[in-house]
Amino acid sequence: MTVWDFETHAGSDLQRPYEHIYVARSNSSLLQCQVEVWQSNVEVERRTFNEIVPRDGTSDKHDDACLICADGGDLICCEKCWSTSHLKCLGLESIPQGDWICPYSVCRHCNKNDKDLQTCVQCYKKYHFQCILNYKEWDLNTSGETLACDSRCGEVHEKLQSLVGVKHELEGGFCWTLLQRMEPDNLDFRDRHLITECNSKIALAWEVLDECFTTIIDRHTQINVVQSVAYSRGSNLNRINFRGFYTAILERNDDIISAATIRVHGTDLAEMPFIGTRHLYRQNGMSRMLLVTLESILSVVGVEHLIIPSVQELTEMWERKCGFSPIEDAVSQKIINRSTLTFPSAVRLQKALLSTPAGSPSAVMNADVGVDMVSENCAKLAGLDLNQEYTESGDEEAENK
């Protein structure tokens, strides 16, 4: 029996079970217990800002890895932040004359750098407020865009935030929820029950991902990458600044089965570096169900492409079974101007989500229609678990399901 079933059994319709169910021995509510765990030293450490300081004896503060490919080597340094890049990754043949400034240190509209730059709440690119007025990128009649670099990012942010913490039912007793770490002083989320439940599920989703992936330690900064992404930890290095990441979970009877992490860079593209299913539930198409759910969500908010980093031996599986393909030049150019998570030797793949340009009448969908579409798509899924390494025999088994 879930806490929601227990609340119904008790004759309550408040829809706040964690707040009103008490533990007999401590006389504390489940909500209080969740808050105490979230405030424990272990949880605080997991979500602490990743402050990177120069090594002892060196004055160079710049990153040792490329912002675009995450590998080391001969790098050029941004003059305004600690980011570095390979010339090849930037599409350049020679070092630019004068100071080089990375895309995250200039206004995305005028490409200038000064003290008046603001940070977009969605894509985290810099912008001038005056530029979005001059370029007619801001609708004064639309709320919530004062922190966004343009109207598209503002709309994407509002749609995603409206989904955070809301449980959506699917067929077969499954449900999906979009999560993002929230703090009690977050003005957008004043509901203590929602904040606590969302944060608690973030911690549980991290345990699912930790079960699915071997520990990934960034060799240049020594941070735990999967954990930092799950908890959307910020950093003073753009390459490992994971603010803006959401975690999507697939549940059944309050048990988290699968989890995935996504970050949306405006309407141009979104990234999904991690998706996994607990060992107990594998070989039942759970990761595939969550993947299609995410694709539907991203389509609803108007995102054009989804990109993933894949190990070489799994690229064929992603391409043939999930519709991904090698990165095209147009998408590659968009990646250059954004900080997306990848790993040395990883292969980036892309998948088109919209058949029409974002913002066109046929591409912009009503949120309610979009949620219904998610359920319909999940009902048509084939059985394929993305946690399993691709083999010919496994592939045939999936095709026969």
Protein backbone atom coordinates (compact mmCIF):
# COMPACT_ATOMS: atom_id res chain seq x y z
CA MET A 1 0.00 0.00 0.00
CA THR A 2 1.36 3.43 -0.97
CA VAL A 3 1.08 6.51 1.23
CA TRP A 4 -1.54 7.80 -1.19
CA ASP A 5 -3.57 4.60 -0.78
CA PHE A 6 -3.22 4.89 3.00
CA GLU A 7 -4.51 8.46 2.89
CA THR A 8 -7.55 7.35 0.88
CA HIS A 9 -8.07 4.39 3.25
CA ALA A 10 -8.10 6.84 6.17
CA GLY A 11 -10.90 8.79 4.50
CA SER A 12 -8.83 11.88 3.70
CA ASP A 13 -8.94 13.79 0.42
CA LEU A 14 -6.29 16.40 1.29
CA GLN A 15 -3.73 14.90 -1.14
CA ARG A 16 -0.93 15.58 1.37
CA PRO A 17 -0.14 12.16 2.88
CA TYR A 18 3.42 12.88 3.96
CA GLU A 19 2.25 15.83 6.04
CA HIS A 20 -0.53 13.98 7.86
CA ILE A 21 0.88 10.47 8.37
CA TYR A 22 2.91 10.19 11.58
CA VAL A 23 5.57 7.74 12.74
CA ALA A 24 4.39 6.26 16.05
CA ARG A 25 7.68 6.11 17.93
CA SER A 26 8.92 9.60 17.11
CA ASN A 27 5.55 11.31 16.72
CA SER A 28 7.01 13.00 13.63
CA SER A 29 5.21 13.26 10.33
CA LEU A 30 6.67 11.58 7.26
CA LEU A 31 7.18 15.09 5.90
CA GLN A 32 9.31 16.04 8.90
CA CYS A 33 11.34 12.86 8.47
CA GLN A 34 11.96 13.71 4.82
CA VAL A 35 13.05 17.25 5.73
CA GLU A 36 15.47 15.93 8.34
CA VAL A 37 17.07 13.54 5.86
CA TRP A 38 17.33 16.28 3.21
CA GLN A 39 19.08 18.53 5.73
CA SER A 40 21.52 15.82 6.83
CA ASN A 41 25.22 16.30 6.16
CA VAL A 42 25.21 13.55 3.52
CA GLU A 43 22.47 15.19 1.46
CA VAL A 44 23.88 18.71 1.89
CA GLU A 45 27.23 17.52 0.56
CA ARG A 46 25.58 15.91 -2.48
CA ARG A 47 24.05 19.21 -3.60
CA THR A 48 26.85 21.61 -2.62
CA PHE A 49 28.16 24.02 -5.26
CA ASN A 50 31.17 22.53 -7.07
CA GLU A 51 33.74 25.24 -6.32
CA ILE A 52 36.90 24.50 -8.29
CA VAL A 53 40.09 26.21 -7.11
CA PRO A 54 43.52 26.23 -8.81
CA ARG A 55 45.96 23.56 -7.75
CA ASP A 56 48.61 24.53 -5.21
CA GLY A 57 51.55 26.30 -6.77
CA THR A 58 49.75 27.36 -9.97
CA SER A 59 48.16 30.65 -10.91
CA ASP A 60 46.30 29.27 -13.94
CA LYS A 61 42.60 29.07 -13.11
CA HIS A 62 41.48 27.79 -16.50
CA ASP A 63 39.86 24.40 -17.04
CA ASP A 64 42.11 21.55 -18.16
CA ALA A 65 39.42 20.10 -20.45
CA CYS A 66 37.62 21.39 -23.53
CA LEU A 67 34.17 22.87 -22.93
CA ILE A 68 32.86 21.06 -26.02
CA CYS A 69 34.48 17.60 -26.02
CA ALA A 70 35.66 17.32 -22.37
CA ASP A 71 39.13 16.14 -23.44
CA GLY A 72 42.48 17.76 -22.69
CA GLY A 73 45.34 18.78 -24.97
CA ASP A 74 46.17 22.09 -26.64
CA LEU A 75 43.44 24.49 -25.56
CA ILE A 76 42.71 28.17 -26.01
CA CYS A 77 41.51 30.03 -22.93
CA CYS A 78 38.57 32.36 -22.56
CA GLU A 79 39.67 35.80 -21.36
CA LYS A 80 36.50 36.36 -19.33
CA CYS A 81 35.92 33.00 -17.59
CA TRP A 82 37.78 29.76 -16.89
CA SER A 83 36.53 27.88 -19.96
CA THR A 84 38.86 26.40 -22.59
CA SER A 85 38.34 24.80 -26.01
CA HIS A 86 40.16 23.05 -28.84
CA LEU A 87 40.44 25.01 -32.07
CA LYS A 88 39.07 22.00 -33.95
CA CYS A 89 36.03 21.78 -31.67
CA LEU A 90 35.32 25.45 -32.35
CA GLY A 91 35.63 24.91 -36.10
CA LEU A 92 38.71 27.17 -36.27
CA GLU A 93 41.96 26.55 -38.13
CA SER A 94 44.10 29.10 -36.30
CA ILE A 95 44.11 31.01 -33.03
CA PRO A 96 41.87 34.10 -33.30
CA GLN A 97 43.60 37.46 -33.20
CA GLY A 98 43.10 39.36 -29.98
CA ASP A 99 41.28 37.98 -26.96
CA TRP A 100 39.06 34.93 -27.39
CA ILE A 101 35.84 34.99 -25.37
CA CYS A 102 33.70 31.87 -25.09
CA PRO A 103 29.96 31.87 -25.93
CA TYR A 104 29.06 31.84 -22.21
CA SER A 105 30.77 35.17 -21.52
CA VAL A 106 29.15 37.35 -24.19
CA CYS A 107 25.63 38.50 -24.95
CA ARG A 108 23.97 35.90 -27.17
CA HIS A 109 22.44 38.71 -29.25
CA CYS A 110 25.26 41.24 -29.77
CA ASN A 111 28.31 39.12 -28.82
CA LYS A 112 29.64 41.88 -26.57
CA ASN A 113 30.99 41.50 -23.05
CA ASP A 114 30.44 44.09 -20.35
CA LYS A 115 29.20 44.46 -16.78
CA ASP A 116 25.51 44.70 -17.70
CA LEU A 117 25.10 41.07 -18.74
CA GLN A 118 22.24 39.02 -17.28
CA THR A 119 22.03 35.21 -17.14
CA CYS A 120 19.14 33.38 -18.78
CA VAL A 121 17.16 31.30 -16.30
CA GLN A 122 16.73 28.50 -18.87
CA CYS A 123 19.79 28.17 -21.12
CA TYR A 124 22.21 30.09 -18.84
CA LYS A 125 23.59 32.09 -21.74
CA LYS A 126 24.33 35.77 -21.13
CA TYR A 127 22.25 38.61 -22.57
CA HIS A 128 21.62 42.34 -22.34
CA PHE A 129 18.13 43.34 -21.32
CA GLN A 130 18.30 46.14 -23.85
CA CYS A 131 19.21 43.66 -26.59
CA ILE A 132 16.09 41.57 -26.13
CA LEU A 133 14.09 44.78 -26.45
CA ASN A 134 16.03 45.94 -29.51
CA TYR A 135 15.76 42.52 -31.19
CA LYS A 136 12.07 42.28 -30.23
CA GLU A 137 12.81 39.05 -28.38
CA TRP A 138 10.68 39.92 -25.37
CA ASP A 139 6.92 40.20 -25.12
CA LEU A 140 6.05 42.76 -22.44
CA ASN A 141 2.63 41.13 -22.05
CA THR A 142 4.07 37.72 -21.15
CA SER A 143 4.96 37.01 -17.54
CA GLY A 144 8.08 35.26 -16.31
CA GLU A 145 10.45 36.31 -19.11
CA THR A 146 12.43 38.99 -17.29
CA LEU A 147 15.11 36.41 -16.51
CA ALA A 148 15.12 34.76 -19.94
CA CYS A 149 17.28 35.70 -22.91
CA ASP A 150 14.32 35.60 -25.32
CA SER A 151 10.64 34.70 -25.47
CA ARG A 152 11.35 31.11 -26.52
CA CYS A 153 13.52 30.38 -23.50
CA GLY A 154 10.93 32.09 -21.32
CA GLU A 155 8.15 29.87 -22.67
CA VAL A 156 10.23 26.70 -22.35
CA HIS A 157 11.10 27.56 -18.76
CA GLU A 158 7.48 28.23 -17.81
CA LYS A 159 6.27 24.98 -19.39
CA LEU A 160 8.94 22.87 -17.72
CA GLN A 161 8.43 24.49 -14.32
CA SER A 162 4.69 23.85 -14.58
CA LEU A 163 5.46 20.13 -14.89
CA VAL A 164 7.88 19.89 -11.96
CA GLY A 165 6.57 17.68 -9.17
CA VAL A 166 3.31 16.87 -10.97
CA LYS A 167 2.58 13.15 -11.26
CA HIS A 168 1.14 12.06 -14.62
CA GLU A 169 -0.59 8.70 -14.89
CA LEU A 170 0.19 6.22 -17.67
CA GLU A 171 -1.40 2.91 -18.62
CA GLY A 172 -0.58 -0.20 -16.60
CA GLY A 173 -0.35 1.60 -13.27
CA PHE A 174 2.78 3.53 -14.26
CA CYS A 175 3.30 7.26 -13.84
CA TRP A 176 6.00 9.76 -14.70
CA THR A 177 7.15 12.87 -12.88
CA LEU A 178 9.58 15.62 -13.79
CA LEU A 179 11.80 16.65 -10.88
CA GLN A 180 14.24 19.44 -10.16
CA ARG A 181 16.02 20.24 -6.93
CA MET A 182 14.23 23.04 -5.11
CA GLU A 183 15.10 25.10 -2.06
CA PRO A 184 12.47 26.25 0.50
CA ASP A 185 13.12 29.90 -0.35
CA ASN A 186 12.38 29.32 -4.05
CA LEU A 187 9.63 31.84 -4.77
CA ASP A 188 8.19 29.68 -7.55
CA PHE A 189 7.50 26.79 -5.16
CA ARG A 190 5.96 27.84 -1.85
CA ASP A 191 4.27 24.51 -1.20
CA ARG A 192 6.43 22.84 1.45
CA HIS A 193 4.88 19.45 0.76
CA LEU A 194 5.71 19.67 -2.96
CA ILE A 195 9.26 20.88 -2.32
CA THR A 196 9.99 18.13 0.17
CA GLU A 197 8.51 15.33 -1.93
CA CYS A 198 10.34 16.53 -5.04
CA ASN A 199 13.70 16.76 -3.23
CA SER A 200 13.19 13.35 -1.62
CA LYS A 201 12.54 11.77 -5.00
CA ILE A 202 15.67 13.45 -6.38
CA ALA A 203 17.64 11.57 -3.73
CA LEU A 204 15.91 8.29 -4.65
CA ALA A 205 16.43 8.90 -8.38
CA TRP A 206 20.12 9.41 -7.71
CA GLU A 207 20.21 5.98 -6.04
CA VAL A 208 18.67 4.46 -9.18
CA LEU A 209 21.28 6.11 -11.41
CA ASP A 210 24.06 5.14 -9.01
CA GLU A 211 22.89 1.53 -9.31
CA CYS A 212 22.88 1.72 -13.11
CA PHE A 213 26.23 3.41 -13.75
CA THR A 214 29.73 2.84 -12.48
CA THR A 215 31.00 5.89 -10.62
CA ILE A 216 32.11 8.52 -13.14
CA ILE A 217 34.76 10.85 -11.69
CA ASP A 218 35.78 13.82 -13.82
CA ARG A 219 39.52 13.32 -14.21
CA HIS A 220 40.27 17.05 -14.18
CA THR A 221 38.14 18.19 -11.23
CA GLN A 222 37.50 14.90 -9.37
CA ILE A 223 33.76 15.53 -9.04
CA ASN A 224 31.19 12.73 -9.18
CA VAL A 225 29.54 13.51 -12.51
CA VAL A 226 26.32 11.47 -12.26
CA GLN A 227 25.63 12.69 -8.73
CA SER A 228 26.32 16.31 -9.69
CA VAL A 229 23.92 16.06 -12.63
CA ALA A 230 21.16 14.39 -10.60
CA TYR A 231 21.34 17.13 -7.97
CA SER A 232 21.81 19.87 -10.64
CA ARG A 233 24.90 21.20 -8.89
CA GLY A 234 26.33 24.48 -10.07
CA SER A 235 30.01 25.27 -10.54
CA ASN A 236 32.35 28.13 -11.33
CA LEU A 237 33.52 26.08 -14.35
CA ASN A 238 31.02 26.19 -17.21
CA ARG A 239 31.89 22.64 -18.31
CA ILE A 240 30.72 21.13 -15.02
CA ASN A 241 28.01 23.66 -14.21
CA PHE A 242 24.98 21.37 -14.13
CA ARG A 243 22.38 23.89 -13.07
CA GLY A 244 19.29 23.55 -15.19
CA PHE A 245 19.21 19.75 -15.23
CA TYR A 246 15.90 18.02 -14.60
CA THR A 247 15.41 14.40 -13.56
CA ALA A 248 12.50 12.41 -14.98
CA ILE A 249 11.32 9.29 -13.16
CA LEU A 250 9.07 6.39 -14.03
CA GLU A 251 7.19 4.95 -11.05
CA ARG A 252 4.78 2.21 -10.17
CA ASN A 253 3.20 1.96 -6.72
CA ASP A 254 5.52 4.74 -5.49
CA ASP A 255 8.57 2.67 -6.47
CA ILE A 256 11.00 4.45 -8.79
CA ILE A 257 11.77 2.08 -11.66
CA SER A 258 13.70 4.24 -14.14
CA ALA A 259 15.35 7.65 -14.08
CA ALA A 260 16.81 9.98 -16.70
CA THR A 261 18.47 13.39 -16.64
CA ILE A 262 17.74 16.13 -19.17
CA ARG A 263 18.78 19.73 -19.73
CA VAL A 264 17.00 21.97 -22.21
CA HIS A 265 18.97 24.61 -24.10
CA GLY A 266 16.07 26.72 -25.33
CA THR A 267 14.11 25.38 -28.29
CA ASP A 268 17.21 24.38 -30.29
CA LEU A 269 18.17 21.25 -28.41
CA ALA A 270 18.02 19.25 -25.20
CA GLU A 271 20.54 16.76 -23.84
CA MET A 272 20.01 13.47 -22.03
CA PRO A 273 23.34 12.18 -20.68
CA PHE A 274 21.94 9.46 -18.41
CA ILE A 275 18.98 7.08 -18.46
CA GLY A 276 18.73 3.82 -16.55
CA THR A 277 16.45 1.21 -15.00
CA ARG A 278 16.92 -0.63 -11.73
CA HIS A 279 18.25 -4.17 -12.18
CA LEU A 280 15.05 -5.70 -10.78
CA TYR A 281 12.91 -4.21 -13.59
CA ARG A 282 15.15 -4.63 -16.61
CA GLN A 283 14.23 -6.48 -19.83
CA ASN A 284 10.70 -5.06 -19.66
CA GLY A 285 11.05 -1.91 -21.77
CA MET A 286 11.03 0.48 -18.82
CA SER A 287 13.84 2.74 -20.05
CA ARG A 288 12.23 2.85 -23.48
CA MET A 289 8.93 3.90 -21.90
CA LEU A 290 10.67 6.74 -20.07
CA LEU A 291 12.60 7.76 -23.19
CA VAL A 292 9.44 8.10 -25.29
CA THR A 293 7.81 10.02 -22.44
CA LEU A 294 10.72 12.46 -22.42
CA GLU A 295 10.63 12.85 -26.19
CA SER A 296 6.94 13.70 -25.95
CA ILE A 297 7.55 16.22 -23.16
CA LEU A 298 10.30 17.93 -25.13
CA SER A 299 8.09 18.05 -28.22
CA VAL A 300 5.35 19.68 -26.15
CA VAL A 301 7.67 22.47 -25.01
CA GLY A 302 8.92 22.99 -28.58
CA VAL A 303 12.43 21.48 -28.52
CA GLU A 304 13.78 20.56 -31.95
CA HIS A 305 16.54 18.04 -31.20
CA LEU A 306 17.57 15.66 -28.43
CA ILE A 307 21.27 14.78 -28.17
CA ILE A 308 22.99 12.05 -26.17
CA PRO A 309 26.58 10.92 -25.52
CA SER A 310 26.99 7.22 -26.33
CA VAL A 311 29.82 4.75 -25.95
CA GLN A 312 31.00 3.54 -29.35
CA GLU A 313 29.70 -0.02 -28.98
CA LEU A 314 26.14 1.15 -28.27
CA THR A 315 25.73 3.67 -31.09
CA GLU A 316 24.20 1.07 -33.43
CA MET A 317 21.57 0.19 -30.83
CA TRP A 318 20.65 3.85 -30.29
CA GLU A 319 20.44 4.44 -34.04
CA ARG A 320 18.54 1.34 -35.07
CA LYS A 321 16.25 0.91 -32.07
CA CYS A 322 15.68 4.45 -30.86
CA GLY A 323 15.86 6.56 -34.01
CA PHE A 324 19.06 8.47 -33.22
CA SER A 325 21.60 9.39 -35.88
CA PRO A 326 25.08 10.95 -36.15
CA ILE A 327 25.30 14.66 -35.38
CA GLU A 328 24.58 16.86 -38.40
CA ASP A 329 26.55 20.03 -39.11
CA ALA A 330 23.67 22.33 -38.15
CA VAL A 331 23.25 20.64 -34.76
CA SER A 332 27.02 20.50 -34.28
CA GLN A 333 27.14 24.28 -34.66
CA LYS A 334 24.51 24.64 -31.95
CA ILE A 335 26.54 22.39 -29.64
CA ILE A 336 29.59 24.63 -30.10
CA ASN A 337 27.66 27.53 -28.60
CA ARG A 338 26.35 25.55 -25.61
CA SER A 339 27.82 23.64 -22.71
CA THR A 340 26.60 20.06 -23.07
CA LEU A 341 27.81 17.08 -21.08
CA THR A 342 29.97 14.53 -22.86
CA PHE A 343 32.99 12.35 -22.17
CA PRO A 344 36.31 11.73 -23.94
CA SER A 345 35.83 9.11 -26.69
CA ALA A 346 32.02 9.35 -26.41
CA VAL A 347 30.00 9.62 -29.63
CA ARG A 348 27.31 12.26 -29.75
CA LEU A 349 24.03 11.29 -31.42
CA GLN A 350 20.95 13.33 -32.26
CA LYS A 351 17.25 12.78 -32.78
CA ALA A 352 14.84 15.24 -34.41
CA LEU A 353 11.78 15.81 -32.23
CA LEU A 354 9.79 18.24 -34.35
CA SER A 355 8.92 17.87 -38.03
CA THR A 356 8.26 21.61 -38.25
CA PRO A 357 10.30 24.54 -36.93
CA ALA A 358 9.79 25.47 -33.29
CA GLY A 359 7.32 28.31 -32.89
CA SER A 360 5.24 27.46 -35.95
CA PRO A 361 1.52 26.87 -35.35
CA SER A 362 1.76 23.12 -35.91
CA ALA A 363 4.75 22.77 -33.58
CA VAL A 364 3.25 24.60 -30.61
CA MET A 365 0.90 22.30 -28.73
CA ASN A 366 -1.46 22.79 -25.85
CA ALA A 367 0.00 21.39 -22.63
CA ASP A 368 -3.05 19.21 -21.92
CA VAL A 369 -2.91 17.73 -25.42
CA GLY A 370 0.80 17.07 -24.91
CA VAL A 371 0.24 15.12 -21.72
CA ASP A 372 -2.36 12.95 -23.46
CA MET A 373 0.09 12.36 -26.29
CA VAL A 374 2.68 11.07 -23.82
CA SER A 375 0.27 8.41 -22.60
CA GLU A 376 -0.67 7.39 -26.15
CA ASN A 377 2.96 7.05 -27.22
CA CYS A 378 3.86 4.95 -24.19
CA ALA A 379 1.05 2.53 -25.00
CA LYS A 380 2.71 1.73 -28.35
CA LEU A 381 6.18 0.89 -27.04
CA ALA A 382 8.18 -2.17 -28.03
CA GLY A 383 10.03 -4.09 -25.30
CA LEU A 384 13.57 -2.77 -25.14
CA ASP A 385 15.66 -1.90 -22.11
CA LEU A 386 18.33 0.66 -22.89
CA ASN A 387 20.43 -0.49 -19.94
CA GLN A 388 21.34 -3.68 -21.76
CA GLU A 389 24.38 -3.67 -24.00
CA TYR A 390 23.60 -4.32 -27.63
CA THR A 391 24.08 -7.89 -28.84
CA GLU A 392 22.69 -9.66 -31.86
CA SER A 393 20.73 -12.15 -29.75
CA GLY A 394 19.38 -9.41 -27.49
CA ASP A 395 18.41 -7.41 -30.53
CA GLU A 396 16.42 -10.28 -32.00
CA GLU A 397 14.66 -10.83 -28.71
CA ALA A 398 13.61 -7.17 -28.62
CA GLU A 399 12.31 -7.34 -32.18
CA ASN A 400 10.18 -10.35 -31.36
CA LYS A 401 8.43 -8.67 -28.43
